[in-house]
Amino acid sequence: MALEIERRFLVHGDGWRPQVRWSRPLRQGYLTRDAAGVTVRVRLGEDTATDQARLTIKAAAAGIARHEFEYPIPATDGEALLNLAAHRLGKTRYGLDLPGGDWVLDVFEPPNAPLVLAEVELERADQPLVVPPWCALEVTGRLELSNASLSITPLSQWPEDERRAVLGAMGLRAPATGPADCSS
């Protein structure tokens, strides 16, 4: 059993781009998610060398740690499972060359665009970390910004004030919404 110790941040601007080592499009779906925090996810696009999908089970642990069980599965099985998943999302993942842990950055596709989140996997929860200046706001532990939650309630469906707060932290403005203009 592995422990995933991860911190997450909203990203402001594109100052992260010079640190990119690789990128790949990811598609993932959630087969289950329960109130105790157990999720079962299938992901395609991560294992480009072997063209396999990944089946991952995550469960809550202490603090910012989570239990994580991850297994390679044939890509055809991954596609079949993805088609069974009621909740899905797409994003492009970028691997970053930064010290202090394994950094990745996710640029989400609609209906979660223009959301950009950075994650760093750490060896210990108390590990010192130099946070890059383009990390605008730490969102570790904010369940509404977990991938599982975003697959169920994407950013575009959030209440306007909550969406504006997230976009504001990223240095973006939410488009104005209001009643349609029915005048002719």
C-alpha atoms as a PDB file:
ATOM      1  CA  MET A   1       0.000   0.000   0.000  1.00  0.00           C
ATOM      2  CA  ALA A   2       1.348   3.381  -0.972  1.00  0.00           C
ATOM      3  CA  LEU A   3       0.666   6.717   0.637  1.00  0.00           C
ATOM      4  CA  GLU A   4       0.176   9.739  -1.580  1.00  0.00           C
ATOM      5  CA  ILE A   5       1.213  12.962   0.143  1.00  0.00           C
ATOM      6  CA  GLU A   6       0.260  15.849  -2.059  1.00  0.00           C
ATOM      7  CA  ARG A   7      -0.188  19.610  -1.936  1.00  0.00           C
ATOM      8  CA  ARG A   8      -2.247  21.446  -4.562  1.00  0.00           C
ATOM      9  CA  PHE A   9      -2.310  25.047  -5.773  1.00  0.00           C
ATOM     10  CA  LEU A  10      -4.331  27.263  -8.089  1.00  0.00           C
ATOM     11  CA  VAL A  11      -2.054  28.638 -10.794  1.00  0.00           C
ATOM     12  CA  HIS A  12      -1.770  32.291 -11.827  1.00  0.00           C
ATOM     13  CA  GLY A  13      -0.340  33.146 -15.245  1.00  0.00           C
ATOM     14  CA  ASP A  14       2.028  31.059 -17.329  1.00  0.00           C
ATOM     15  CA  GLY A  15       5.313  31.520 -15.465  1.00  0.00           C
ATOM     16  CA  TRP A  16       5.402  27.716 -15.127  1.00  0.00           C
ATOM     17  CA  ARG A  17       5.917  27.099 -18.855  1.00  0.00           C
ATOM     18  CA  PRO A  18       9.767  27.321 -18.818  1.00  0.00           C
ATOM     19  CA  GLN A  19       9.836  24.395 -16.349  1.00  0.00           C
ATOM     20  CA  VAL A  20       7.858  21.987 -18.585  1.00  0.00           C
ATOM     21  CA  ARG A  21       9.635  18.668 -19.268  1.00  0.00           C
ATOM     22  CA  TRP A  22       6.778  16.786 -20.918  1.00  0.00           C
ATOM     23  CA  SER A  23       3.045  16.948 -21.532  1.00  0.00           C
ATOM     24  CA  ARG A  24       0.275  14.490 -22.270  1.00  0.00           C
ATOM     25  CA  PRO A  25      -3.493  14.623 -22.625  1.00  0.00           C
ATOM     26  CA  LEU A  26      -5.348  12.617 -19.985  1.00  0.00           C
ATOM     27  CA  ARG A  27      -8.887  11.320 -19.889  1.00  0.00           C
ATOM     28  CA  GLN A  28     -10.225   9.955 -16.660  1.00  0.00           C
ATOM     29  CA  GLY A  29     -13.489   8.691 -15.278  1.00  0.00           C
ATOM     30  CA  TYR A  30     -14.751   7.923 -11.810  1.00  0.00           C
ATOM     31  CA  LEU A  31     -16.449   4.580 -11.298  1.00  0.00           C
ATOM     32  CA  THR A  32     -17.270   5.150  -7.619  1.00  0.00           C
ATOM     33  CA  ARG A  33     -16.978   7.855  -5.029  1.00  0.00           C
ATOM     34  CA  ASP A  34     -18.430   7.440  -1.573  1.00  0.00           C
ATOM     35  CA  ALA A  35     -18.958   9.613   1.479  1.00  0.00           C
ATOM     36  CA  ALA A  36     -15.934   8.073   3.209  1.00  0.00           C
ATOM     37  CA  GLY A  37     -13.675   9.461   0.489  1.00  0.00           C
ATOM     38  CA  VAL A  38     -12.982   6.248  -1.430  1.00  0.00           C
ATOM     39  CA  THR A  39     -12.712   6.765  -5.184  1.00  0.00           C
ATOM     40  CA  VAL A  40     -12.102   4.346  -8.034  1.00  0.00           C
ATOM     41  CA  ARG A  41     -10.678   6.040 -11.122  1.00  0.00           C
ATOM     42  CA  VAL A  42      -9.659   4.890 -14.574  1.00  0.00           C
ATOM     43  CA  ARG A  43      -7.161   7.056 -16.464  1.00  0.00           C
ATOM     44  CA  LEU A  44      -6.019   6.894 -20.070  1.00  0.00           C
ATOM     45  CA  GLY A  45      -3.032   8.684 -21.551  1.00  0.00           C
ATOM     46  CA  GLU A  46      -0.618   8.513 -18.639  1.00  0.00           C
ATOM     47  CA  ASP A  47       1.426   5.474 -19.655  1.00  0.00           C
ATOM     48  CA  THR A  48       2.532   6.406 -23.177  1.00  0.00           C
ATOM     49  CA  ALA A  49       5.411   3.898 -23.306  1.00  0.00           C
ATOM     50  CA  THR A  50       3.208   0.814 -22.890  1.00  0.00           C
ATOM     51  CA  ASP A  51      -0.168   2.165 -24.036  1.00  0.00           C
ATOM     52  CA  GLN A  52      -1.815   0.950 -20.846  1.00  0.00           C
ATOM     53  CA  ALA A  53      -4.517   2.562 -18.782  1.00  0.00           C
ATOM     54  CA  ARG A  54      -4.376   2.882 -15.000  1.00  0.00           C
ATOM     55  CA  LEU A  55      -6.944   1.817 -12.458  1.00  0.00           C
ATOM     56  CA  THR A  56      -6.538   3.722  -9.187  1.00  0.00           C
ATOM     57  CA  ILE A  57      -8.248   3.387  -5.834  1.00  0.00           C
ATOM     58  CA  LYS A  58      -7.800   6.229  -3.353  1.00  0.00           C
ATOM     59  CA  ALA A  59      -8.939   6.433   0.253  1.00  0.00           C
ATOM     60  CA  ALA A  60      -8.555   9.004   2.990  1.00  0.00           C
ATOM     61  CA  ALA A  61      -5.668   8.719   5.442  1.00  0.00           C
ATOM     62  CA  ALA A  62      -4.337  11.134   8.070  1.00  0.00           C
ATOM     63  CA  GLY A  63      -3.800  14.817   7.245  1.00  0.00           C
ATOM     64  CA  ILE A  64      -2.896  15.501   3.606  1.00  0.00           C
ATOM     65  CA  ALA A  65      -1.995  11.856   2.956  1.00  0.00           C
ATOM     66  CA  ARG A  66      -4.185   9.429   1.027  1.00  0.00           C
ATOM     67  CA  HIS A  67      -3.925   5.698   0.506  1.00  0.00           C
ATOM     68  CA  GLU A  68      -3.355   5.031  -3.183  1.00  0.00           C
ATOM     69  CA  PHE A  69      -3.485   1.702  -5.006  1.00  0.00           C
ATOM     70  CA  GLU A  70      -2.655   1.939  -8.713  1.00  0.00           C
ATOM     71  CA  TYR A  71      -2.637  -0.842 -11.295  1.00  0.00           C
ATOM     72  CA  PRO A  72      -1.840  -0.926 -15.011  1.00  0.00           C
ATOM     73  CA  ILE A  73      -4.627  -2.404 -17.136  1.00  0.00           C
ATOM     74  CA  PRO A  74      -4.924  -2.953 -20.903  1.00  0.00           C
ATOM     75  CA  ALA A  75      -5.913   0.206 -22.776  1.00  0.00           C
ATOM     76  CA  THR A  76      -8.972  -1.559 -24.220  1.00  0.00           C
ATOM     77  CA  ASP A  77     -10.176  -2.329 -20.686  1.00  0.00           C
ATOM     78  CA  GLY A  78      -9.497   1.280 -19.735  1.00  0.00           C
ATOM     79  CA  GLU A  79     -11.605   2.531 -22.659  1.00  0.00           C
ATOM     80  CA  ALA A  80     -14.433   0.178 -21.679  1.00  0.00           C
ATOM     81  CA  LEU A  81     -14.302   1.341 -18.052  1.00  0.00           C
ATOM     82  CA  LEU A  82     -14.142   4.990 -19.110  1.00  0.00           C
ATOM     83  CA  ASN A  83     -17.301   4.458 -21.150  1.00  0.00           C
ATOM     84  CA  LEU A  84     -18.993   3.040 -18.029  1.00  0.00           C
ATOM     85  CA  ALA A  85     -17.960   5.978 -15.844  1.00  0.00           C
ATOM     86  CA  ALA A  86     -20.797   8.365 -15.098  1.00  0.00           C
ATOM     87  CA  HIS A  87     -18.380  11.199 -14.330  1.00  0.00           C
ATOM     88  CA  ARG A  88     -15.402  12.097 -16.537  1.00  0.00           C
ATOM     89  CA  LEU A  89     -12.955  14.879 -17.169  1.00  0.00           C
ATOM     90  CA  GLY A  90     -10.170  15.752 -19.552  1.00  0.00           C
ATOM     91  CA  LYS A  91      -7.006  17.721 -19.001  1.00  0.00           C
ATOM     92  CA  THR A  92      -3.468  18.137 -20.232  1.00  0.00           C
ATOM     93  CA  ARG A  93      -0.860  17.227 -17.659  1.00  0.00           C
ATOM     94  CA  TYR A  94       2.576  18.855 -17.696  1.00  0.00           C
ATOM     95  CA  GLY A  95       5.558  17.423 -15.839  1.00  0.00           C
ATOM     96  CA  LEU A  96       7.634  20.212 -14.330  1.00  0.00           C
ATOM     97  CA  ASP A  97      11.328  20.456 -13.542  1.00  0.00           C
ATOM     98  CA  LEU A  98      11.194  21.920 -10.035  1.00  0.00           C
ATOM     99  CA  PRO A  99      12.936  21.016  -6.767  1.00  0.00           C
ATOM    100  CA  GLY A 100      11.276  19.726  -3.645  1.00  0.00           C
ATOM    101  CA  GLY A 101       9.067  16.939  -4.992  1.00  0.00           C
ATOM    102  CA  ASP A 102       7.384  15.586  -8.099  1.00  0.00           C
ATOM    103  CA  TRP A 103       5.570  18.568  -9.634  1.00  0.00           C
ATOM    104  CA  VAL A 104       2.823  18.312 -12.255  1.00  0.00           C
ATOM    105  CA  LEU A 105       0.424  20.898 -13.573  1.00  0.00           C
ATOM    106  CA  ASP A 106      -3.039  20.199 -15.004  1.00  0.00           C
ATOM    107  CA  VAL A 107      -4.740  22.449 -17.556  1.00  0.00           C
ATOM    108  CA  PHE A 108      -8.380  21.403 -17.583  1.00  0.00           C
ATOM    109  CA  GLU A 109     -10.625  21.113 -20.627  1.00  0.00           C
ATOM    110  CA  PRO A 110     -14.202  22.419 -20.690  1.00  0.00           C
ATOM    111  CA  PRO A 111     -16.378  22.358 -18.663  1.00  0.00           C
ATOM    112  CA  ASN A 112     -13.583  22.906 -16.108  1.00  0.00           C
ATOM    113  CA  ALA A 113     -11.595  25.355 -18.254  1.00  0.00           C
ATOM    114  CA  PRO A 114      -9.874  27.712 -17.564  1.00  0.00           C
ATOM    115  CA  LEU A 115      -8.923  25.916 -14.340  1.00  0.00           C
ATOM    116  CA  VAL A 116      -5.186  25.241 -13.874  1.00  0.00           C
ATOM    117  CA  LEU A 117      -3.928  23.339 -10.824  1.00  0.00           C
ATOM    118  CA  ALA A 118      -0.386  22.458  -9.784  1.00  0.00           C
ATOM    119  CA  GLU A 119       0.344  19.455  -7.580  1.00  0.00           C
ATOM    120  CA  VAL A 120       3.477  18.336  -5.835  1.00  0.00           C
ATOM    121  CA  GLU A 121       3.925  14.855  -4.386  1.00  0.00           C
ATOM    122  CA  LEU A 122       6.057  14.845  -1.268  1.00  0.00           C
ATOM    123  CA  GLU A 123       7.843  12.170   0.727  1.00  0.00           C
ATOM    124  CA  ARG A 124       6.582  13.557   4.055  1.00  0.00           C
ATOM    125  CA  ALA A 125       3.730  15.848   5.030  1.00  0.00           C
ATOM    126  CA  ASP A 126       6.131  18.126   6.939  1.00  0.00           C
ATOM    127  CA  GLN A 127       8.654  18.290   4.095  1.00  0.00           C
ATOM    128  CA  PRO A 128       9.871  21.868   3.484  1.00  0.00           C
ATOM    129  CA  LEU A 129       8.728  23.214   0.143  1.00  0.00           C
ATOM    130  CA  VAL A 130       9.618  26.287  -1.877  1.00  0.00           C
ATOM    131  CA  VAL A 131       6.377  27.231  -3.596  1.00  0.00           C
ATOM    132  CA  PRO A 132       6.849  28.866  -7.025  1.00  0.00           C
ATOM    133  CA  PRO A 133       5.483  32.412  -7.372  1.00  0.00           C
ATOM    134  CA  TRP A 134       2.914  31.322  -9.987  1.00  0.00           C
ATOM    135  CA  CYS A 135       1.187  29.170  -7.350  1.00  0.00           C
ATOM    136  CA  ALA A 136      -1.502  31.662  -6.414  1.00  0.00           C
ATOM    137  CA  LEU A 137      -3.407  29.912  -3.654  1.00  0.00           C
ATOM    138  CA  GLU A 138      -2.983  26.601  -1.855  1.00  0.00           C
ATOM    139  CA  VAL A 139      -6.112  24.461  -2.207  1.00  0.00           C
ATOM    140  CA  THR A 140      -4.877  21.265  -0.544  1.00  0.00           C
ATOM    141  CA  GLY A 141      -7.844  19.580   1.106  1.00  0.00           C
ATOM    142  CA  ARG A 142     -10.502  21.580  -0.740  1.00  0.00           C
ATOM    143  CA  LEU A 143     -12.712  18.713  -1.823  1.00  0.00           C
ATOM    144  CA  GLU A 144     -14.636  20.755  -4.393  1.00  0.00           C
ATOM    145  CA  LEU A 145     -11.368  21.107  -6.349  1.00  0.00           C
ATOM    146  CA  SER A 146     -10.531  17.394  -6.322  1.00  0.00           C
ATOM    147  CA  ASN A 147     -10.621  15.754  -9.733  1.00  0.00           C
ATOM    148  CA  ALA A 148     -13.427  13.455  -8.560  1.00  0.00           C
ATOM    149  CA  SER A 149     -15.536  16.451  -7.484  1.00  0.00           C
ATOM    150  CA  LEU A 150     -14.746  18.389 -10.664  1.00  0.00           C
ATOM    151  CA  SER A 151     -15.940  15.419 -12.728  1.00  0.00           C
ATOM    152  CA  ILE A 152     -19.305  15.592 -10.938  1.00  0.00           C
ATOM    153  CA  THR A 153     -19.674  19.365 -10.549  1.00  0.00           C
ATOM    154  CA  PRO A 154     -17.402  21.097 -13.052  1.00  0.00           C
ATOM    155  CA  LEU A 155     -16.228  24.651 -12.502  1.00  0.00           C
ATOM    156  CA  SER A 156     -18.695  25.957 -15.109  1.00  0.00           C
ATOM    157  CA  GLN A 157     -21.590  24.721 -12.924  1.00  0.00           C
ATOM    158  CA  TRP A 158     -20.407  26.274  -9.663  1.00  0.00           C
ATOM    159  CA  PRO A 159     -22.340  29.135  -8.087  1.00  0.00           C
ATOM    160  CA  GLU A 160     -21.131  32.369  -9.645  1.00  0.00           C
ATOM    161  CA  ASP A 161     -19.566  33.783  -6.469  1.00  0.00           C
ATOM    162  CA  GLU A 162     -17.533  30.606  -5.866  1.00  0.00           C
ATOM    163  CA  ARG A 163     -16.421  30.429  -9.508  1.00  0.00           C
ATOM    164  CA  ARG A 164     -15.406  34.101  -9.441  1.00  0.00           C
ATOM    165  CA  ALA A 165     -13.331  33.532  -6.288  1.00  0.00           C
ATOM    166  CA  VAL A 166     -11.376  30.692  -7.926  1.00  0.00           C
ATOM    167  CA  LEU A 167     -10.876  32.582 -11.180  1.00  0.00           C
ATOM    168  CA  GLY A 168      -9.923  35.736  -9.267  1.00  0.00           C
ATOM    169  CA  ALA A 169      -7.210  33.831  -7.392  1.00  0.00           C
ATOM    170  CA  MET A 170      -5.906  32.750 -10.803  1.00  0.00           C
ATOM    171  CA  GLY A 171      -5.864  36.355 -12.014  1.00  0.00           C
ATOM    172  CA  LEU A 172      -8.808  35.752 -14.358  1.00  0.00           C
ATOM    173  CA  ARG A 173     -12.223  37.319 -14.597  1.00  0.00           C
ATOM    174  CA  ALA A 174     -15.398  35.298 -14.882  1.00  0.00           C
ATOM    175  CA  PRO A 175     -17.552  36.213 -17.856  1.00  0.00           C
ATOM    176  CA  ALA A 176     -20.517  38.357 -16.924  1.00  0.00           C
ATOM    177  CA  THR A 177     -23.739  36.407 -16.694  1.00  0.00           C
ATOM    178  CA  GLY A 178     -27.228  37.719 -16.565  1.00  0.00           C
ATOM    179  CA  PRO A 179     -30.599  37.558 -18.247  1.00  0.00           C
ATOM    180  CA  ALA A 180     -30.554  37.155 -21.996  1.00  0.00           C
ATOM    181  CA  ASP A 181     -31.236  40.284 -24.025  1.00  0.00           C
ATOM    182  CA  CYS A 182     -34.572  39.601 -25.695  1.00  0.00           C
ATOM    183  CA  SER A 183     -34.991  43.012 -27.313  1.00  0.00           C
ATOM    184  CA  SER A 184     -35.264  43.207 -31.072  1.00  0.00           C
END
